[in-house]
Amino acid sequence: MSKPIYQLFKKKGALALKSIESYYRSRFFSVFMNKFEIEGMTSDQLRFFLTQGWETGTINAFILKDSKPSQLVLESMEEVENPNGILVLTPYAPFEYNIYNYPTKLTAVNIRGAKFIPAEPMEIGKDCVIGFFHTSHMPIRALVDFYVERIANIEKVIDTQLFTHKLPRLVICSPEDKARVDQIMKDIDAGNNVIFLDANDWQSIKNVLDSGNNYIIDKLYNYKVALENELLTILGIDNAGVEKRERKIVDEVNANNQIINDGNDCFMTELEEFVKQVNDILGYPLKIRAKELPVMAVSEEDNVEMEEEENVNID
């Protein structure tokens, strides 16, 4: 194969791999973006908030200067749209740290050139509040990309396996034997149970190459699903694993659910602390919750005992 043609195939293969990675990255990005509900944020704020978590893993929040209504306005109006001021979310650049390597001062990054975002430094815990999205303090994308790259490579191997299974059986023979071999293949295709061959026939057809490959697509698929479920577990998203949930015993289901809840705690520990500081320091009310966490399964025996206890209490 000439060098230019080889480079073209190599380039197409790299583009196909990037396309697969892009698909899975978008898929898990959508899952992450639908993971939380935050009361007190608009839909635009929530999307920006979660996007920053995906890209940078951290965010800055402050109350827009002079946006909090005066006491006179609050007393004169029955309902004020933003009684605690307007909450602003931005990326940030820290420039001072304490002895524990935690930022103490920052500059808000004005990505859209908005005039209302201050250029002067802010003191964290006084002028603003910063939050992280995961206990690792890493961007969520960095956690996802490790799995996305592995899943994409498995998809490429599956594609290769599918291609090899499309290849026909190859037969090496001389031009003189081609008609003889062709007739034997037709007899095989016709489903004849017995095919009589003479010595020349055997000599003609003995060089048969099976151009297919061992079938391992099912194993590759199970491995891919296992990686997907492992990533969902890290993200704190409910999943059943490779083995169907109804085939597992209660203890196995509960153990899997506990790991999923632990993964969710890695998010909620940091985000609840951020929400608390926004409430306490900035005086802006926020409430956060994760959607649809798995609940612990109950065995039939435990269920019967619970029903018996309820009946006793009723009596």
Protein backbone atom coordinates (compact mmCIF):
# COMPACT_ATOMS: atom_id res chain seq x y z
CA MET A 1 0.00 0.00 0.00
CA SER A 2 1.43 3.37 -0.99
CA LYS A 3 2.20 5.91 1.76
CA PRO A 4 -0.46 8.50 0.72
CA ILE A 5 -3.21 5.82 0.69
CA TYR A 6 -2.04 4.48 4.08
CA GLN A 7 -2.12 7.98 5.55
CA LEU A 8 -5.64 8.48 4.16
CA PHE A 9 -6.89 5.27 5.83
CA LYS A 10 -5.14 6.27 9.05
CA LYS A 11 -6.77 9.70 8.95
CA LYS A 12 -10.24 8.20 8.33
CA GLY A 13 -9.74 5.81 11.25
CA ALA A 14 -8.76 8.68 13.55
CA LEU A 15 -11.79 10.72 12.46
CA ALA A 16 -14.10 7.74 13.06
CA LEU A 17 -12.65 7.30 16.56
CA LYS A 18 -13.14 11.01 17.33
CA SER A 19 -16.72 10.77 16.08
CA ILE A 20 -17.44 7.86 18.47
CA GLU A 21 -15.80 9.72 21.35
CA SER A 22 -17.86 12.82 20.56
CA TYR A 23 -21.08 10.77 20.62
CA TYR A 24 -20.39 9.18 24.01
CA ARG A 25 -19.10 12.45 25.48
CA SER A 26 -22.33 14.19 24.42
CA ARG A 27 -24.36 11.31 25.81
CA PHE A 28 -22.80 11.48 29.28
CA PHE A 29 -22.83 15.29 29.19
CA SER A 30 -26.61 15.11 28.73
CA VAL A 31 -26.88 12.67 31.65
CA PHE A 32 -24.86 15.00 33.89
CA MET A 33 -26.84 18.08 32.83
CA ASN A 34 -30.06 16.34 33.89
CA LYS A 35 -28.73 15.15 37.24
CA PHE A 36 -29.57 18.10 39.54
CA GLU A 37 -32.41 20.46 40.30
CA ILE A 38 -31.64 23.82 41.94
CA GLU A 39 -34.48 25.91 43.27
CA GLY A 40 -33.67 29.61 43.03
CA MET A 41 -31.81 29.51 39.69
CA THR A 42 -33.30 30.27 36.32
CA SER A 43 -32.99 27.65 33.57
CA ASP A 44 -30.22 29.70 31.93
CA GLN A 45 -28.34 30.00 35.21
CA LEU A 46 -28.67 26.29 35.92
CA ARG A 47 -27.39 25.33 32.47
CA PHE A 48 -24.42 27.71 32.79
CA PHE A 49 -23.76 26.46 36.32
CA LEU A 50 -23.65 22.78 35.27
CA THR A 51 -21.69 23.53 32.08
CA GLN A 52 -18.99 25.19 34.19
CA GLY A 53 -18.94 22.08 36.37
CA TRP A 54 -18.43 19.94 33.29
CA GLU A 55 -15.67 22.12 31.82
CA THR A 56 -13.81 23.47 34.88
CA GLY A 57 -15.25 21.74 37.96
CA THR A 58 -15.70 25.00 39.87
CA ILE A 59 -17.64 28.28 39.79
CA ASN A 60 -17.85 31.72 41.40
CA ALA A 61 -21.06 33.33 42.70
CA PHE A 62 -21.74 36.87 43.92
CA ILE A 63 -24.59 39.34 44.26
CA LEU A 64 -24.62 42.06 41.63
CA LYS A 65 -23.68 45.40 43.16
CA ASP A 66 -26.62 47.71 43.94
CA SER A 67 -29.11 45.05 42.76
CA LYS A 68 -30.61 44.48 46.20
CA PRO A 69 -33.71 46.66 46.69
CA SER A 70 -33.67 49.16 49.53
CA GLN A 71 -35.74 48.61 52.65
CA LEU A 72 -38.10 51.38 51.51
CA VAL A 73 -38.76 49.59 48.21
CA LEU A 74 -39.28 46.25 49.98
CA GLU A 75 -41.81 47.83 52.34
CA SER A 76 -43.68 49.69 49.62
CA MET A 77 -44.11 46.72 47.26
CA GLU A 78 -46.00 43.54 48.02
CA GLU A 79 -43.81 41.42 45.72
CA VAL A 80 -40.24 42.11 44.56
CA GLU A 81 -38.70 39.99 41.82
CA ASN A 82 -35.23 39.81 43.41
CA PRO A 83 -35.55 40.76 47.11
CA ASN A 84 -32.02 39.54 47.84
CA GLY A 85 -30.41 41.00 44.72
CA ILE A 86 -29.37 39.35 41.49
CA LEU A 87 -27.17 36.24 41.69
CA VAL A 88 -24.31 36.22 39.16
CA LEU A 89 -22.29 33.13 38.23
CA THR A 90 -18.89 33.35 36.54
CA PRO A 91 -15.67 31.41 36.00
CA TYR A 92 -12.82 32.83 38.05
CA ALA A 93 -9.06 33.15 38.32
CA PRO A 94 -7.68 32.80 41.88
CA PHE A 95 -4.51 34.74 42.75
CA GLU A 96 -4.13 34.39 46.53
CA TYR A 97 -4.19 31.22 48.65
CA ASN A 98 -4.06 30.32 52.33
CA ILE A 99 -1.65 27.81 53.89
CA TYR A 100 -4.03 24.96 52.96
CA ASN A 101 -3.80 25.83 49.27
CA TYR A 102 -7.40 27.07 49.22
CA PRO A 103 -8.02 30.29 47.23
CA THR A 104 -8.79 33.41 49.26
CA LYS A 105 -8.99 36.06 46.53
CA LEU A 106 -10.05 35.91 42.88
CA THR A 107 -10.87 37.85 39.77
CA ALA A 108 -14.13 37.09 37.97
CA VAL A 109 -13.56 35.97 34.37
CA ASN A 110 -15.79 38.00 32.07
CA ILE A 111 -16.23 35.60 29.14
CA ARG A 112 -18.85 37.74 27.30
CA GLY A 113 -17.61 41.23 28.06
CA ALA A 114 -20.56 42.09 30.29
CA LYS A 115 -20.24 45.58 31.77
CA PHE A 116 -21.79 44.64 35.12
CA ILE A 117 -19.14 42.04 36.06
CA PRO A 118 -16.54 43.78 38.26
CA ALA A 119 -12.89 43.79 37.24
CA GLU A 120 -11.57 44.44 40.75
CA PRO A 121 -10.46 41.55 42.99
CA MET A 122 -13.00 39.79 45.23
CA GLU A 123 -12.44 38.29 48.65
CA ILE A 124 -13.78 34.76 48.85
CA GLY A 125 -16.20 34.25 51.73
CA LYS A 126 -17.04 37.95 51.85
CA ASP A 127 -17.60 39.42 48.38
CA CYS A 128 -18.23 36.09 46.69
CA VAL A 129 -18.51 32.34 47.16
CA ILE A 130 -16.79 29.61 45.16
CA GLY A 131 -18.03 26.05 44.76
CA PHE A 132 -16.73 22.76 43.45
CA PHE A 133 -18.76 20.02 41.78
CA HIS A 134 -16.86 16.93 42.94
CA THR A 135 -14.72 16.01 45.92
CA SER A 136 -11.79 15.53 43.53
CA HIS A 137 -12.15 19.23 42.51
CA MET A 138 -11.61 18.03 38.93
CA PRO A 139 -13.72 18.98 35.90
CA ILE A 140 -16.46 16.40 35.38
CA ARG A 141 -15.32 16.04 31.77
CA ALA A 142 -11.90 14.84 32.98
CA LEU A 143 -13.61 12.04 34.94
CA VAL A 144 -15.74 11.09 31.93
CA ASP A 145 -13.06 11.25 29.21
CA PHE A 146 -11.07 8.35 30.69
CA TYR A 147 -14.06 6.04 30.15
CA VAL A 148 -15.12 7.63 26.85
CA GLU A 149 -11.75 6.86 25.25
CA ARG A 150 -11.89 3.22 26.36
CA ILE A 151 -15.52 2.79 25.24
CA ALA A 152 -14.73 4.35 21.84
CA ASN A 153 -11.82 1.94 21.32
CA ILE A 154 -14.08 -1.02 22.10
CA GLU A 155 -16.62 0.28 19.56
CA LYS A 156 -13.85 0.37 16.93
CA VAL A 157 -12.92 -3.25 17.70
CA ILE A 158 -16.59 -4.25 17.40
CA ASP A 159 -16.74 -2.50 14.00
CA THR A 160 -13.65 -4.42 12.90
CA GLN A 161 -15.22 -7.69 14.06
CA LEU A 162 -18.40 -6.94 12.11
CA PHE A 163 -16.32 -6.24 9.00
CA THR A 164 -14.37 -9.49 9.25
CA HIS A 165 -17.63 -11.46 9.58
CA LYS A 166 -18.82 -9.96 6.29
CA LEU A 167 -15.86 -11.39 4.36
CA PRO A 168 -16.62 -14.49 2.24
CA ARG A 169 -14.71 -17.74 2.35
CA LEU A 170 -11.59 -17.56 0.19
CA VAL A 171 -10.49 -20.48 -2.00
CA ILE A 172 -7.07 -20.65 -3.61
CA CYS A 173 -7.01 -22.70 -6.84
CA SER A 174 -5.58 -22.71 -10.31
CA PRO A 175 -7.61 -21.42 -13.29
CA GLU A 176 -8.06 -25.00 -14.45
CA ASP A 177 -9.64 -26.03 -11.13
CA LYS A 178 -11.90 -22.98 -10.78
CA ALA A 179 -14.94 -24.63 -12.39
CA ARG A 180 -14.46 -27.79 -10.31
CA VAL A 181 -14.23 -25.77 -7.04
CA ASP A 182 -17.19 -23.61 -8.04
CA GLN A 183 -19.38 -26.68 -8.46
CA ILE A 184 -18.34 -28.05 -5.06
CA MET A 185 -19.23 -24.70 -3.42
CA LYS A 186 -22.63 -24.75 -5.13
CA ASP A 187 -23.25 -28.28 -3.79
CA ILE A 188 -22.37 -27.07 -0.28
CA ASP A 189 -24.62 -24.02 -0.64
CA ALA A 190 -27.47 -26.23 -1.86
CA GLY A 191 -27.32 -28.14 1.43
CA ASN A 192 -26.32 -31.51 0.03
CA ASN A 193 -25.60 -33.86 2.91
CA VAL A 194 -23.15 -35.97 0.90
CA ILE A 195 -20.74 -34.66 -1.71
CA PHE A 196 -18.55 -37.15 -3.54
CA LEU A 197 -15.05 -35.93 -4.31
CA ASP A 198 -12.35 -37.62 -6.34
CA ALA A 199 -8.65 -37.07 -5.75
CA ASN A 200 -8.53 -34.09 -8.12
CA ASP A 201 -11.50 -32.45 -6.39
CA TRP A 202 -9.81 -32.82 -3.02
CA GLN A 203 -6.60 -31.36 -4.36
CA SER A 204 -8.52 -28.41 -5.81
CA ILE A 205 -10.46 -27.47 -2.68
CA LYS A 206 -7.99 -28.21 0.09
CA ASN A 207 -6.66 -24.60 0.07
CA VAL A 208 -9.70 -22.97 1.63
CA LEU A 209 -9.16 -19.92 3.83
CA ASP A 210 -11.72 -18.92 6.42
CA SER A 211 -11.46 -15.12 6.23
CA GLY A 212 -13.79 -14.60 9.18
CA ASN A 213 -12.79 -14.32 12.84
CA ASN A 214 -13.71 -15.77 16.19
CA TYR A 215 -17.01 -14.30 17.37
CA ILE A 216 -16.30 -12.13 20.43
CA ILE A 217 -18.73 -9.27 19.80
CA ASP A 218 -20.92 -10.35 22.72
CA LYS A 219 -17.93 -10.25 25.09
CA LEU A 220 -16.84 -6.86 23.76
CA TYR A 221 -20.37 -5.52 24.15
CA ASN A 222 -20.60 -6.75 27.75
CA TYR A 223 -17.24 -5.10 28.50
CA LYS A 224 -18.48 -1.84 26.95
CA VAL A 225 -21.69 -1.94 29.02
CA ALA A 226 -19.64 -2.66 32.15
CA LEU A 227 -17.53 0.46 31.51
CA GLU A 228 -20.65 2.55 30.87
CA ASN A 229 -22.23 1.35 34.11
CA GLU A 230 -19.01 1.95 36.02
CA LEU A 231 -19.00 5.54 34.77
CA LEU A 232 -22.69 5.98 35.63
CA THR A 233 -21.90 4.70 39.12
CA ILE A 234 -19.14 7.31 39.49
CA LEU A 235 -21.62 9.96 38.35
CA GLY A 236 -24.13 8.70 40.92
CA ILE A 237 -26.62 7.61 38.25
CA ASP A 238 -28.78 4.52 38.81
CA ASN A 239 -27.82 1.52 36.65
CA ALA A 240 -28.45 -2.21 36.72
CA GLY A 241 -25.01 -3.43 35.64
CA VAL A 242 -24.34 -6.05 32.95
CA GLU A 243 -26.41 -8.68 34.77
CA LYS A 244 -30.11 -7.88 34.89
CA ARG A 245 -31.30 -6.61 38.24
CA GLU A 246 -33.99 -9.28 38.61
CA ARG A 247 -31.29 -11.98 38.50
CA LYS A 248 -29.40 -10.49 41.45
CA ILE A 249 -30.06 -11.26 45.07
CA VAL A 250 -31.17 -8.42 47.35
CA ASP A 251 -27.74 -8.00 48.97
CA GLU A 252 -26.07 -7.60 45.56
CA VAL A 253 -28.62 -4.98 44.46
CA ASN A 254 -28.20 -3.06 47.72
CA ALA A 255 -24.40 -3.19 47.47
CA ASN A 256 -24.59 -1.74 43.95
CA ASN A 257 -27.06 0.91 45.09
CA GLN A 258 -24.79 1.89 47.98
CA ILE A 259 -21.86 2.41 45.60
CA ILE A 260 -24.08 4.58 43.36
CA ASN A 261 -25.15 6.62 46.39
CA ASP A 262 -21.50 7.00 47.40
CA GLY A 263 -20.74 8.32 43.92
CA ASN A 264 -23.60 10.79 44.27
CA ASP A 265 -22.29 11.91 47.67
CA CYS A 266 -19.03 12.98 45.99
CA PHE A 267 -21.13 15.60 44.16
CA MET A 268 -23.64 16.51 46.85
CA THR A 269 -21.06 17.07 49.62
CA GLU A 270 -19.44 19.88 47.62
CA LEU A 271 -22.60 21.31 46.05
CA GLU A 272 -24.53 21.41 49.33
CA GLU A 273 -21.64 23.28 50.91
CA PHE A 274 -21.70 25.77 48.02
CA VAL A 275 -25.46 26.27 48.35
CA LYS A 276 -25.11 26.74 52.13
CA GLN A 277 -22.48 29.45 51.66
CA VAL A 278 -24.60 31.20 49.02
CA ASN A 279 -27.47 31.19 51.53
CA ASP A 280 -25.40 32.26 54.57
CA ILE A 281 -22.82 34.64 53.07
CA LEU A 282 -24.63 36.12 50.08
CA GLY A 283 -28.12 35.89 51.57
CA TYR A 284 -29.49 34.32 48.41
CA PRO A 285 -31.82 31.31 48.91
CA LEU A 286 -30.92 28.18 46.92
CA LYS A 287 -31.98 24.56 47.33
CA ILE A 288 -30.38 21.64 45.49
CA ARG A 289 -31.34 18.01 45.07
CA ALA A 290 -30.19 15.09 42.94
CA LYS A 291 -32.81 13.42 40.79
CA GLU A 292 -33.88 9.78 41.22
CA LEU A 293 -31.36 8.00 43.41
CA PRO A 294 -31.75 4.20 43.80
CA VAL A 295 -33.48 2.95 46.94
CA MET A 296 -32.45 -0.13 48.86
CA ALA A 297 -34.20 -3.34 47.81
CA VAL A 298 -36.21 -5.40 50.28
CA SER A 299 -36.31 -9.22 50.20
CA GLU A 300 -39.61 -11.09 50.26
CA GLU A 301 -38.88 -12.29 53.83
CA ASP A 302 -38.20 -8.73 55.06
CA ASN A 303 -41.30 -7.50 53.25
CA VAL A 304 -43.45 -10.13 55.01
CA GLU A 305 -41.95 -9.15 58.39
CA MET A 306 -42.64 -5.45 57.72
CA GLU A 307 -46.26 -6.23 56.80
CA GLU A 308 -46.70 -8.32 59.96
CA GLU A 309 -45.31 -5.48 62.11
CA GLU A 310 -47.66 -2.99 60.44
CA ASN A 311 -50.62 -5.30 61.12
CA VAL A 312 -49.60 -5.64 64.78
CA ASN A 313 -49.34 -1.86 65.15
CA ILE A 314 -52.75 -1.39 63.56
CA ASP A 315 -54.34 -3.92 65.92
